[in-house]
Amino acid sequence: MTIIYTDGSSRGNPGPGGWAAIIDDGEMIREIGGTEEHTTNNRMELMACIRAIESVEEDEATLYTDSEYVMKGITLWVKNWQVKGWKTAAKKPVLNQDLWQALLMATEGKDIKWEYVAGHAGHALNERCDEIATSFADGLTIDLYDGPRNSYRYL
């Protein structure tokens, strides 16, 4: 089963943002990430999950996120939003509906187990995702790993 760690970052919220994911298929590890000029932290958290899941061919994965927004949204809120025509309990439009819909499409036909991991708590893969996402948000160049699991220095 594939293990995925994700993180998102923005400077200014809204401001320049970055997202990151680490994908571990048990043999190989691949780091991915990207940037947007004007975005929010929550959008980058969602984008990290979408891009990671889209890049995984396997139908089963466990995804670790440090975003309570993503965790609660995907496991508790999204079904009610759909039923209520993408309105919140307060009858307001759901923020980031476009990305929630993209996340639902990415997960369709896949068995994704969602797990929460506390951010900035010393967990090596979460810290590495944070480093990648913030580097992209800051417009910095960062080397992304793509290679054998046994050579990955963050495990």
N, C-alpha and C. Protein backbone atom coordinates (compact mmCIF):
# COMPACT_ATOMS: atom_id res chain seq x y z
N MET A 1 0.84 -1.18 0.00
CA MET A 1 0.00 0.00 0.00
C MET A 1 0.88 1.25 0.00
N THR A 2 0.46 2.24 -0.71
CA THR A 2 1.19 3.50 -0.81
C THR A 2 0.92 4.38 0.40
N ILE A 3 1.96 5.03 0.88
CA ILE A 3 1.87 6.00 1.97
C ILE A 3 2.16 7.38 1.38
N ILE A 4 1.32 8.35 1.74
CA ILE A 4 1.47 9.71 1.23
C ILE A 4 1.47 10.68 2.41
N TYR A 5 2.40 11.62 2.37
CA TYR A 5 2.40 12.75 3.30
C TYR A 5 2.22 14.01 2.48
N THR A 6 1.42 14.95 2.98
CA THR A 6 1.16 16.18 2.24
C THR A 6 1.29 17.40 3.15
N ASP A 7 1.52 18.55 2.52
CA ASP A 7 1.49 19.82 3.24
C ASP A 7 1.30 20.95 2.25
N GLY A 8 0.77 22.05 2.75
CA GLY A 8 0.59 23.25 1.96
C GLY A 8 1.01 24.46 2.76
N SER A 9 1.37 25.52 2.05
CA SER A 9 1.85 26.73 2.71
C SER A 9 1.49 27.94 1.86
N SER A 10 1.23 29.05 2.52
CA SER A 10 1.12 30.31 1.79
C SER A 10 1.70 31.42 2.65
N ARG A 11 2.22 32.40 1.98
CA ARG A 11 2.83 33.55 2.64
C ARG A 11 1.88 34.72 2.49
N GLY A 12 1.23 35.09 3.57
CA GLY A 12 0.29 36.19 3.54
C GLY A 12 -1.15 35.72 3.66
N ASN A 13 -1.45 34.57 3.15
CA ASN A 13 -2.75 33.91 3.29
C ASN A 13 -3.93 34.86 3.06
N PRO A 14 -4.19 35.39 1.87
CA PRO A 14 -3.60 34.92 0.61
C PRO A 14 -2.27 35.58 0.29
N GLY A 15 -1.53 34.85 -0.53
CA GLY A 15 -0.23 35.29 -0.99
C GLY A 15 0.38 34.18 -1.82
N PRO A 16 1.68 34.25 -2.06
CA PRO A 16 2.33 33.17 -2.80
C PRO A 16 2.26 31.87 -1.98
N GLY A 17 2.01 30.77 -2.67
CA GLY A 17 1.84 29.51 -1.96
C GLY A 17 2.62 28.37 -2.58
N GLY A 18 2.74 27.31 -1.80
CA GLY A 18 3.39 26.10 -2.25
C GLY A 18 2.72 24.88 -1.65
N TRP A 19 2.82 23.78 -2.36
CA TRP A 19 2.29 22.51 -1.86
C TRP A 19 3.35 21.43 -2.06
N ALA A 20 3.22 20.36 -1.27
CA ALA A 20 4.21 19.27 -1.35
C ALA A 20 3.57 17.95 -0.97
N ALA A 21 4.15 16.88 -1.52
CA ALA A 21 3.75 15.53 -1.13
C ALA A 21 4.95 14.61 -1.23
N ILE A 22 4.97 13.65 -0.33
CA ILE A 22 5.96 12.57 -0.37
C ILE A 22 5.17 11.28 -0.57
N ILE A 23 5.53 10.55 -1.61
CA ILE A 23 4.82 9.33 -1.98
C ILE A 23 5.77 8.16 -1.83
N ASP A 24 5.39 7.21 -0.98
CA ASP A 24 6.21 6.05 -0.64
C ASP A 24 5.45 4.78 -1.01
N ASP A 25 5.92 4.09 -2.05
CA ASP A 25 5.23 2.86 -2.47
C ASP A 25 5.84 1.60 -1.86
N GLY A 26 6.75 1.79 -0.90
CA GLY A 26 7.39 0.66 -0.24
C GLY A 26 8.75 0.34 -0.81
N GLU A 27 8.99 0.71 -2.06
CA GLU A 27 10.29 0.49 -2.70
C GLU A 27 10.93 1.79 -3.14
N MET A 28 10.10 2.69 -3.66
CA MET A 28 10.59 3.97 -4.16
C MET A 28 9.89 5.11 -3.41
N ILE A 29 10.59 6.23 -3.32
CA ILE A 29 10.01 7.44 -2.75
C ILE A 29 10.14 8.56 -3.77
N ARG A 30 9.05 9.31 -3.90
CA ARG A 30 9.03 10.43 -4.83
C ARG A 30 8.47 11.65 -4.11
N GLU A 31 9.20 12.75 -4.18
CA GLU A 31 8.74 14.02 -3.65
C GLU A 31 8.22 14.86 -4.81
N ILE A 32 7.05 15.48 -4.62
CA ILE A 32 6.49 16.36 -5.64
C ILE A 32 6.06 17.66 -4.96
N GLY A 33 5.95 18.70 -5.76
CA GLY A 33 5.50 19.97 -5.21
C GLY A 33 5.25 20.97 -6.31
N GLY A 34 4.65 22.08 -5.91
CA GLY A 34 4.35 23.12 -6.87
C GLY A 34 4.04 24.42 -6.18
N THR A 35 3.74 25.42 -6.98
CA THR A 35 3.53 26.77 -6.46
C THR A 35 2.37 27.46 -7.17
N GLU A 36 1.79 28.43 -6.50
CA GLU A 36 0.81 29.33 -7.09
C GLU A 36 1.13 30.73 -6.60
N GLU A 37 0.89 31.71 -7.47
CA GLU A 37 1.24 33.10 -7.15
C GLU A 37 0.40 33.71 -6.05
N HIS A 38 -0.92 33.47 -6.10
CA HIS A 38 -1.83 34.10 -5.15
C HIS A 38 -2.84 33.06 -4.69
N THR A 39 -2.71 32.62 -3.45
CA THR A 39 -3.53 31.51 -2.98
C THR A 39 -3.60 31.56 -1.46
N THR A 40 -4.24 30.55 -0.89
CA THR A 40 -4.34 30.43 0.57
C THR A 40 -3.72 29.12 1.03
N ASN A 41 -3.47 29.05 2.32
CA ASN A 41 -2.93 27.84 2.91
C ASN A 41 -3.87 26.65 2.68
N ASN A 42 -5.16 26.86 2.89
CA ASN A 42 -6.11 25.76 2.71
C ASN A 42 -6.15 25.26 1.27
N ARG A 43 -6.06 26.16 0.30
CA ARG A 43 -6.03 25.73 -1.09
C ARG A 43 -4.78 24.90 -1.38
N MET A 44 -3.66 25.28 -0.80
CA MET A 44 -2.42 24.54 -1.01
C MET A 44 -2.47 23.18 -0.33
N GLU A 45 -3.09 23.10 0.85
CA GLU A 45 -3.27 21.81 1.51
C GLU A 45 -4.09 20.87 0.63
N LEU A 46 -5.17 21.38 0.07
CA LEU A 46 -6.01 20.58 -0.83
C LEU A 46 -5.27 20.19 -2.09
N MET A 47 -4.53 21.13 -2.67
CA MET A 47 -3.80 20.86 -3.91
C MET A 47 -2.78 19.75 -3.70
N ALA A 48 -2.11 19.75 -2.55
CA ALA A 48 -1.13 18.70 -2.25
C ALA A 48 -1.80 17.33 -2.28
N CYS A 49 -2.97 17.22 -1.67
CA CYS A 49 -3.68 15.94 -1.65
C CYS A 49 -4.12 15.52 -3.05
N ILE A 50 -4.66 16.47 -3.79
CA ILE A 50 -5.13 16.17 -5.15
C ILE A 50 -3.99 15.67 -6.02
N ARG A 51 -2.91 16.44 -6.08
CA ARG A 51 -1.78 16.07 -6.95
C ARG A 51 -1.14 14.75 -6.53
N ALA A 52 -1.05 14.52 -5.23
CA ALA A 52 -0.47 13.26 -4.77
C ALA A 52 -1.33 12.07 -5.18
N ILE A 53 -2.62 12.16 -4.92
CA ILE A 53 -3.52 11.05 -5.25
C ILE A 53 -3.57 10.82 -6.76
N GLU A 54 -3.59 11.90 -7.53
CA GLU A 54 -3.60 11.77 -9.00
C GLU A 54 -2.34 11.08 -9.51
N SER A 55 -1.24 11.21 -8.80
CA SER A 55 0.02 10.65 -9.28
C SER A 55 0.25 9.20 -8.85
N VAL A 56 -0.66 8.66 -8.06
CA VAL A 56 -0.52 7.29 -7.57
C VAL A 56 -1.39 6.36 -8.42
N GLU A 57 -0.77 5.32 -8.93
CA GLU A 57 -1.52 4.36 -9.75
C GLU A 57 -2.25 3.33 -8.91
N GLU A 58 -1.70 3.01 -7.76
CA GLU A 58 -2.32 2.02 -6.88
C GLU A 58 -3.67 2.52 -6.38
N ASP A 59 -4.61 1.60 -6.16
CA ASP A 59 -5.95 1.98 -5.73
C ASP A 59 -6.08 2.16 -4.22
N GLU A 60 -5.08 1.75 -3.47
CA GLU A 60 -5.12 1.89 -2.01
C GLU A 60 -3.97 2.75 -1.54
N ALA A 61 -4.27 3.67 -0.63
CA ALA A 61 -3.23 4.51 -0.06
C ALA A 61 -3.67 5.03 1.30
N THR A 62 -2.70 5.34 2.13
CA THR A 62 -2.94 6.06 3.37
C THR A 62 -2.31 7.42 3.21
N LEU A 63 -3.12 8.46 3.42
CA LEU A 63 -2.64 9.82 3.27
C LEU A 63 -2.61 10.51 4.63
N TYR A 64 -1.45 11.05 4.96
CA TYR A 64 -1.25 11.78 6.21
C TYR A 64 -1.25 13.27 5.91
N THR A 65 -2.08 14.01 6.63
CA THR A 65 -2.15 15.46 6.48
C THR A 65 -2.09 16.10 7.86
N ASP A 66 -1.50 17.30 7.91
CA ASP A 66 -1.51 18.04 9.16
C ASP A 66 -2.57 19.13 9.14
N SER A 67 -3.46 19.06 8.15
CA SER A 67 -4.52 20.05 8.00
C SER A 67 -5.84 19.52 8.56
N GLU A 68 -6.30 20.12 9.64
CA GLU A 68 -7.60 19.74 10.19
C GLU A 68 -8.71 20.08 9.20
N TYR A 69 -8.52 21.15 8.43
CA TYR A 69 -9.48 21.55 7.41
C TYR A 69 -9.67 20.43 6.38
N VAL A 70 -8.57 19.89 5.87
CA VAL A 70 -8.66 18.80 4.89
C VAL A 70 -9.24 17.55 5.56
N MET A 71 -8.74 17.24 6.73
CA MET A 71 -9.16 16.01 7.43
C MET A 71 -10.67 16.03 7.71
N LYS A 72 -11.15 17.10 8.29
CA LYS A 72 -12.58 17.19 8.61
C LYS A 72 -13.41 17.33 7.34
N GLY A 73 -12.89 18.10 6.39
CA GLY A 73 -13.64 18.29 5.15
C GLY A 73 -13.90 17.00 4.41
N ILE A 74 -12.86 16.19 4.26
CA ILE A 74 -13.01 14.97 3.46
C ILE A 74 -13.71 13.84 4.22
N THR A 75 -13.56 13.81 5.54
CA THR A 75 -14.14 12.70 6.31
C THR A 75 -15.49 13.04 6.95
N LEU A 76 -15.78 14.33 7.16
CA LEU A 76 -17.01 14.70 7.86
C LEU A 76 -17.95 15.60 7.06
N TRP A 77 -17.42 16.60 6.38
CA TRP A 77 -18.26 17.66 5.83
C TRP A 77 -18.68 17.47 4.38
N VAL A 78 -17.84 16.86 3.55
CA VAL A 78 -18.06 16.90 2.10
C VAL A 78 -19.37 16.25 1.66
N LYS A 79 -19.77 15.18 2.28
CA LYS A 79 -21.03 14.53 1.88
C LYS A 79 -22.22 15.46 2.10
N ASN A 80 -22.25 16.15 3.24
CA ASN A 80 -23.34 17.10 3.52
C ASN A 80 -23.30 18.28 2.55
N TRP A 81 -22.09 18.75 2.23
CA TRP A 81 -21.98 19.85 1.26
C TRP A 81 -22.61 19.44 -0.07
N GLN A 82 -22.32 18.23 -0.51
CA GLN A 82 -22.87 17.76 -1.78
C GLN A 82 -24.40 17.70 -1.73
N VAL A 83 -24.92 17.12 -0.64
CA VAL A 83 -26.37 16.99 -0.48
C VAL A 83 -27.04 18.36 -0.46
N LYS A 84 -26.38 19.33 0.16
CA LYS A 84 -26.96 20.67 0.31
C LYS A 84 -26.59 21.60 -0.84
N GLY A 85 -26.14 21.04 -1.97
CA GLY A 85 -25.82 21.86 -3.13
C GLY A 85 -24.60 22.74 -2.92
N TRP A 86 -23.60 22.20 -2.21
CA TRP A 86 -22.35 22.90 -1.93
C TRP A 86 -22.58 24.17 -1.11
N LYS A 87 -23.44 24.01 -0.10
CA LYS A 87 -23.67 25.07 0.88
C LYS A 87 -23.26 24.53 2.26
N THR A 88 -22.78 25.43 3.09
CA THR A 88 -22.41 25.06 4.45
C THR A 88 -23.67 24.96 5.31
N ALA A 89 -23.50 24.56 6.55
CA ALA A 89 -24.63 24.50 7.49
C ALA A 89 -25.25 25.88 7.66
N ALA A 90 -24.45 26.94 7.47
CA ALA A 90 -24.94 28.32 7.57
C ALA A 90 -25.51 28.80 6.24
N LYS A 91 -25.69 27.87 5.29
CA LYS A 91 -26.26 28.17 3.97
C LYS A 91 -25.40 29.11 3.13
N LYS A 92 -24.11 29.14 3.38
CA LYS A 92 -23.17 29.93 2.59
C LYS A 92 -22.44 29.00 1.63
N PRO A 93 -21.97 29.53 0.50
CA PRO A 93 -21.21 28.69 -0.44
C PRO A 93 -19.96 28.11 0.22
N VAL A 94 -19.67 26.86 -0.08
CA VAL A 94 -18.48 26.19 0.44
C VAL A 94 -17.25 26.84 -0.18
N LEU A 95 -16.31 27.24 0.66
CA LEU A 95 -15.05 27.78 0.16
C LEU A 95 -14.25 26.66 -0.52
N ASN A 96 -13.56 27.00 -1.57
CA ASN A 96 -12.69 26.06 -2.28
C ASN A 96 -13.44 24.88 -2.91
N GLN A 97 -14.70 25.13 -3.28
CA GLN A 97 -15.53 24.08 -3.87
C GLN A 97 -14.84 23.42 -5.06
N ASP A 98 -14.16 24.21 -5.87
CA ASP A 98 -13.49 23.66 -7.05
C ASP A 98 -12.46 22.60 -6.67
N LEU A 99 -11.73 22.87 -5.59
CA LEU A 99 -10.70 21.90 -5.17
C LEU A 99 -11.31 20.71 -4.43
N TRP A 100 -12.37 20.93 -3.67
CA TRP A 100 -13.05 19.79 -3.04
C TRP A 100 -13.58 18.85 -4.11
N GLN A 101 -14.14 19.42 -5.18
CA GLN A 101 -14.66 18.58 -6.27
C GLN A 101 -13.52 17.85 -6.98
N ALA A 102 -12.39 18.53 -7.16
CA ALA A 102 -11.23 17.88 -7.79
C ALA A 102 -10.70 16.77 -6.89
N LEU A 103 -10.73 16.98 -5.58
CA LEU A 103 -10.27 15.94 -4.66
C LEU A 103 -11.20 14.73 -4.72
N LEU A 104 -12.49 14.97 -4.77
CA LEU A 104 -13.44 13.85 -4.90
C LEU A 104 -13.20 13.08 -6.19
N MET A 105 -12.95 13.79 -7.28
CA MET A 105 -12.67 13.11 -8.55
C MET A 105 -11.38 12.29 -8.46
N ALA A 106 -10.35 12.84 -7.81
CA ALA A 106 -9.07 12.14 -7.69
C ALA A 106 -9.21 10.86 -6.86
N THR A 107 -10.11 10.88 -5.88
CA THR A 107 -10.26 9.72 -4.99
C THR A 107 -11.26 8.69 -5.52
N GLU A 108 -12.00 9.06 -6.57
CA GLU A 108 -13.01 8.15 -7.10
C GLU A 108 -12.39 6.82 -7.52
N GLY A 109 -12.97 5.73 -7.02
CA GLY A 109 -12.48 4.40 -7.34
C GLY A 109 -11.24 4.00 -6.56
N LYS A 110 -10.81 4.85 -5.65
CA LYS A 110 -9.63 4.53 -4.83
C LYS A 110 -10.05 4.41 -3.37
N ASP A 111 -9.31 3.61 -2.65
CA ASP A 111 -9.54 3.44 -1.22
C ASP A 111 -8.46 4.23 -0.49
N ILE A 112 -8.81 5.45 -0.09
CA ILE A 112 -7.86 6.32 0.59
C ILE A 112 -8.20 6.33 2.08
N LYS A 113 -7.24 5.99 2.88
CA LYS A 113 -7.40 6.08 4.34
C LYS A 113 -6.78 7.41 4.77
N TRP A 114 -7.57 8.24 5.42
CA TRP A 114 -7.12 9.58 5.81
C TRP A 114 -6.66 9.56 7.26
N GLU A 115 -5.47 10.07 7.50
CA GLU A 115 -4.89 10.12 8.85
C GLU A 115 -4.39 11.52 9.15
N TYR A 116 -4.62 11.95 10.36
CA TYR A 116 -4.14 13.26 10.80
C TYR A 116 -2.80 13.08 11.51
N VAL A 117 -1.85 13.95 11.19
CA VAL A 117 -0.57 13.98 11.89
C VAL A 117 -0.35 15.42 12.33
N ALA A 118 0.04 15.61 13.58
CA ALA A 118 0.26 16.96 14.09
C ALA A 118 1.43 17.61 13.35
N GLY A 119 1.22 18.83 12.91
CA GLY A 119 2.28 19.57 12.23
C GLY A 119 3.30 20.11 13.21
N HIS A 120 4.52 20.27 12.73
CA HIS A 120 5.61 20.85 13.52
C HIS A 120 5.81 20.11 14.85
N ALA A 121 5.62 18.79 14.79
CA ALA A 121 5.75 17.98 16.00
C ALA A 121 6.93 17.01 15.90
N GLY A 122 7.82 17.26 14.95
CA GLY A 122 9.02 16.44 14.85
C GLY A 122 8.89 15.18 14.00
N HIS A 123 7.78 15.01 13.30
CA HIS A 123 7.64 13.84 12.43
C HIS A 123 8.40 14.13 11.14
N ALA A 124 9.39 13.32 10.83
CA ALA A 124 10.35 13.61 9.76
C ALA A 124 9.69 13.85 8.40
N LEU A 125 8.74 13.02 8.00
CA LEU A 125 8.15 13.19 6.67
C LEU A 125 7.23 14.40 6.60
N ASN A 126 6.52 14.68 7.68
CA ASN A 126 5.72 15.88 7.73
C ASN A 126 6.61 17.12 7.70
N GLU A 127 7.71 17.09 8.42
CA GLU A 127 8.64 18.23 8.42
C GLU A 127 9.25 18.44 7.03
N ARG A 128 9.57 17.36 6.35
CA ARG A 128 10.12 17.47 5.00
C ARG A 128 9.08 18.06 4.04
N CYS A 129 7.83 17.63 4.14
CA CYS A 129 6.77 18.22 3.31
C CYS A 129 6.65 19.72 3.58
N ASP A 130 6.74 20.11 4.83
CA ASP A 130 6.68 21.52 5.19
C ASP A 130 7.83 22.28 4.55
N GLU A 131 9.02 21.69 4.59
CA GLU A 131 10.20 22.33 4.00
C GLU A 131 10.00 22.53 2.49
N ILE A 132 9.47 21.53 1.81
CA ILE A 132 9.24 21.62 0.37
C ILE A 132 8.18 22.67 0.07
N ALA A 133 7.04 22.61 0.77
CA ALA A 133 5.93 23.53 0.51
C ALA A 133 6.34 24.98 0.78
N THR A 134 7.03 25.22 1.87
CA THR A 134 7.43 26.59 2.19
C THR A 134 8.49 27.09 1.22
N SER A 135 9.36 26.21 0.75
CA SER A 135 10.35 26.60 -0.25
C SER A 135 9.66 27.06 -1.53
N PHE A 136 8.65 26.31 -1.97
CA PHE A 136 7.90 26.71 -3.15
C PHE A 136 7.16 28.03 -2.91
N ALA A 137 6.57 28.19 -1.73
CA ALA A 137 5.86 29.44 -1.40
C ALA A 137 6.82 30.63 -1.42
N ASP A 138 8.05 30.40 -0.99
CA ASP A 138 9.06 31.46 -0.93
C ASP A 138 9.79 31.66 -2.26
N GLY A 139 9.45 30.86 -3.27
CA GLY A 139 10.09 31.00 -4.58
C GLY A 139 11.51 30.47 -4.62
N LEU A 140 11.84 29.58 -3.69
CA LEU A 140 13.19 29.02 -3.63
C LEU A 140 13.28 27.75 -4.45
N THR A 141 14.47 27.45 -4.91
CA THR A 141 14.72 26.19 -5.61
C THR A 141 15.02 25.12 -4.57
N ILE A 142 14.40 23.97 -4.72
CA ILE A 142 14.63 22.86 -3.80
C ILE A 142 14.75 21.58 -4.61
N ASP A 143 15.70 20.74 -4.24
CA ASP A 143 15.87 19.46 -4.91
C ASP A 143 14.84 18.48 -4.37
N LEU A 144 14.09 17.87 -5.28
CA LEU A 144 13.09 16.87 -4.91
C LEU A 144 13.65 15.49 -5.15
N TYR A 145 13.47 14.61 -4.17
CA TYR A 145 13.99 13.25 -4.25
C TYR A 145 13.06 12.37 -5.07
N ASP A 146 13.65 11.50 -5.86
CA ASP A 146 12.91 10.49 -6.61
C ASP A 146 13.85 9.31 -6.77
N GLY A 147 13.69 8.31 -5.89
CA GLY A 147 14.61 7.19 -5.94
C GLY A 147 14.27 6.11 -4.95
N PRO A 148 15.24 5.20 -4.73
CA PRO A 148 14.99 4.06 -3.84
C PRO A 148 14.72 4.50 -2.40
N ARG A 149 13.80 3.78 -1.79
CA ARG A 149 13.41 4.07 -0.41
C ARG A 149 14.61 3.95 0.54
N ASN A 150 15.46 2.96 0.31
CA ASN A 150 16.58 2.72 1.23
C ASN A 150 17.66 3.80 1.15
N SER A 151 17.57 4.72 0.19
CA SER A 151 18.52 5.82 0.11
C SER A 151 17.92 7.16 0.53
N TYR A 152 16.68 7.14 0.96
CA TYR A 152 15.99 8.36 1.34
C TYR A 152 16.41 8.78 2.74
N ARG A 153 16.95 9.96 2.88
CA ARG A 153 17.57 10.35 4.15
C ARG A 153 16.60 10.81 5.23
N TYR A 154 15.31 10.92 4.93
CA TYR A 154 14.36 11.40 5.92
C TYR A 154 13.63 10.28 6.66
N LEU A 155 13.96 9.04 6.36
CA LEU A 155 13.32 7.91 7.07
C LEU A 155 14.12 7.53 8.30
